[in-house]
Amino acid sequence: MRRSIRTLLLLLFSALLLTACSAIDADFQRTESTAFTGYTKTYLGRFYLPDERAHREDSGVSLVAAGRNAFAIRLAMTELAERSLDLQYYIWDADQSGRILGRALLRSADRGVRVRLLIDDLNVDGRDQILAKLDAHPNIEIRLFNPFAKRKARFFNLISDFRRLNHRMHNKLMIADNALALLGGRNIGDHYFDVSQVSNYRDLDIAAVGPVVRDASRVFDYFWNRDWSVPVAASVNETFGSEDLAEARAELDRMIDAEGYPYPVNPKVTAIRRDLSDLKKDFVWAPASVVWDDPVDFADRDEKGKILKALTGKLDRINSELLMENAYFVPTQGGADRLKQLAERGVKVRILTNSLGSNDVVAVHAGYAAYRKELLEAGIGLYEVRADSAKVQQTLFSTQSKAGLHTKAAVFDGVSIFVGSFNLDPRSANLNTEIGLYVESPVLARRLRRFMNEGVQPGNSYRLALGEDGEILWITEEDGREVTYTSDPGSTFTKRLTSGFISIFPIEGQL
C-alpha cells in the first residue's frame, strides 16, 4: 500500500515538474495582421454606407434577443462577407451549431474571405488536431488565447502555472468585412441558440454598424497581435496540408445533421438579404462606444478592469433607475454597498439573475446567496430565473430542456444601456478580459427594458422577498395562482447542500 502511494506521489511530482518546465513557444512564427480597411467596397459596406453618411458619428445598433435570429445573423455574416471575417470567442462548442458555423467559415474561406478566429484555450481541450487542420486552409488562421503549455496534462499545467492560466478571454465578438459587428453574451453552441435538448439560455447580443465597428476591429487586432494569442499550429507536433484539410472538411460534413437542425443551414441569398434589410430597419442610430479590458495588463494588475471602472462611473451618475440582467451576480461587499447607497438615494434598483435551479455554476450561486438578504433589506428588487421559464420553454424544440440565464445587460436611467460579456462578479472584474457596447439612446433603453420586463414576469422568474421572521421567500405563479417557496425552488437537495458547503470557503475572488 505504501509503495503504491509512493509511486502515485512520484508520478504526480514528475508530471508537475514536467509541466512547470514547459512554456509557451513565444517565438512560434506568426504574422501580424490588421482589419480590412476597404469595407465601403464590399456588399455589406455599401449596404449600410448611405445610413452611415446620414448619421455621421453615430452608430446603428439593434438588440438581438431570439436564439433563432442570433444564429441566422451569424450565418448571414459568413455568407455575405466578401473580404474578411474576424471572430473572438470564449467557447466554440463542438455540437451541431458549432459545426454548422464552423463549416460556414470554411465555405467563406473557399470564396477568398480571410478568416481570423481567436478562441480562448480553456475549452479547446481535445480539438487541437481538427483546428490545426482547418488552419491549414490558406485563408484561415486560428489562434488560441493564453494556451496551456502541456496539451495532454492540462490539470497539472493549471496547478503549476495557475497565476497565468487563471486569466481567460471571455470576449464574444464577430465582425464581417469591418462593416457589421455582433457582440454580447452568446458563445457559439446549441445552448445559446435555443436548440439544445438539455438546457438553453436566455441571452442577448447587439448588432452594430458604423464607426463603432471600426473601434471593435481595432480591439480585435490588439488581441490578435499580442503574445497572448498563439497560432493553433504551435499546439501540434506536425505540419498539416491540403489532404488534412480535406479530411477535416469531410469530418465536419459527416457530423452535421442538417435535416435535424431546426433552422435553415443553407439559406438562399435572397432570404439572407431580406433578413439583412429587416435588421437595417431595426437599427437605432446613436452614440456608441466599445468598452474592453486590456489582456496585457491583467496578469499583473491589482486594479479593477476597464469595464468595471466604466460601469462604476455610470452607477455614480444614476438618478432614478438601474435595471440589470446578469447571469452570474456576485457583487462583493463593495458592490453590494454601492447598490444599497443607490437605493438609499431613492434609485429604483432591480436585478434578474440565475436561481440555484437554473445556475450551471453552483459556486457562483454560493457567492451570490451571501448577499441576498442585505440587498432585500435595502429595498433592492431581486429576481431569479426559473429553470422551467415559460418564455425559454416555448422557444425550445424539446420541452424537457432546462432554462438558464446568460444575459449581461443594464439600463441606466432609461436613457443608456450596456450589453456585453461582462458578468457582475470578481472574475469578470479582475481576472478575465471582457468586451461590451455602451449606447446612449432612450429608444434602445426602452427596447431593452421591455426585454428585461419579460424576464421578471411570474412565469419566468421568482420574485424574492423577506418574510416576517426575516427569512427569504421566493414568489411566483403556477397554473395561474401565486405560490411562495421558503427555500431555493427548482433545485435539488444535493445542489442546495453543495452551495452551502462551498459558501464556507474564502474563494469569492475566483468567482
Foldseek 3Di string as FASTA:
>chain_A
DVVVVVVVVVVLVVLLVVQLPFDQPLVPDDDADAAFDVLCVFPLNVVCVVVQVVQPQWKWKFKDFALQLVLLLLLLLLVRFQAEKEWEAADQDPAQQSLLSVLSNLVSVVNVYAYEYEYAAPHCQPPLLLVLLLCQRPRYWYWYFQHRRDNVSRVSNCVSVVLSSLAIAHWGKMDGSLFKIKFFQDGGDCQDRQEDLAEHARAMMMMMGYPQSVVVRVVSSLRCPDSRIGTSVSVDDDHHHDVSNVVSSVVSVVNHDCVPGPHHSDDDNVVSVVSVVVSVVRIDIFHKHKWKFRPVAQSPDPDWTRVVVVVVVLLVPFQAEKEWEFAQAQQPPVRLVSLLVCLVNHHAAEYEYAFLLQRPDLLSVLNRVVSVLVSQVSVHWYKHWAQQQPVSQVSHPNNVYTYGYRWGKMAGNLFKMKGWNAGNALCSTRRYMIMIMITGGSVVSVVVVVVSVSCRAQSTIWIWHADPVSQIWTWGDDPRDIDIDRDRPNDDPVSVVVSVVSNVDPPRNSD
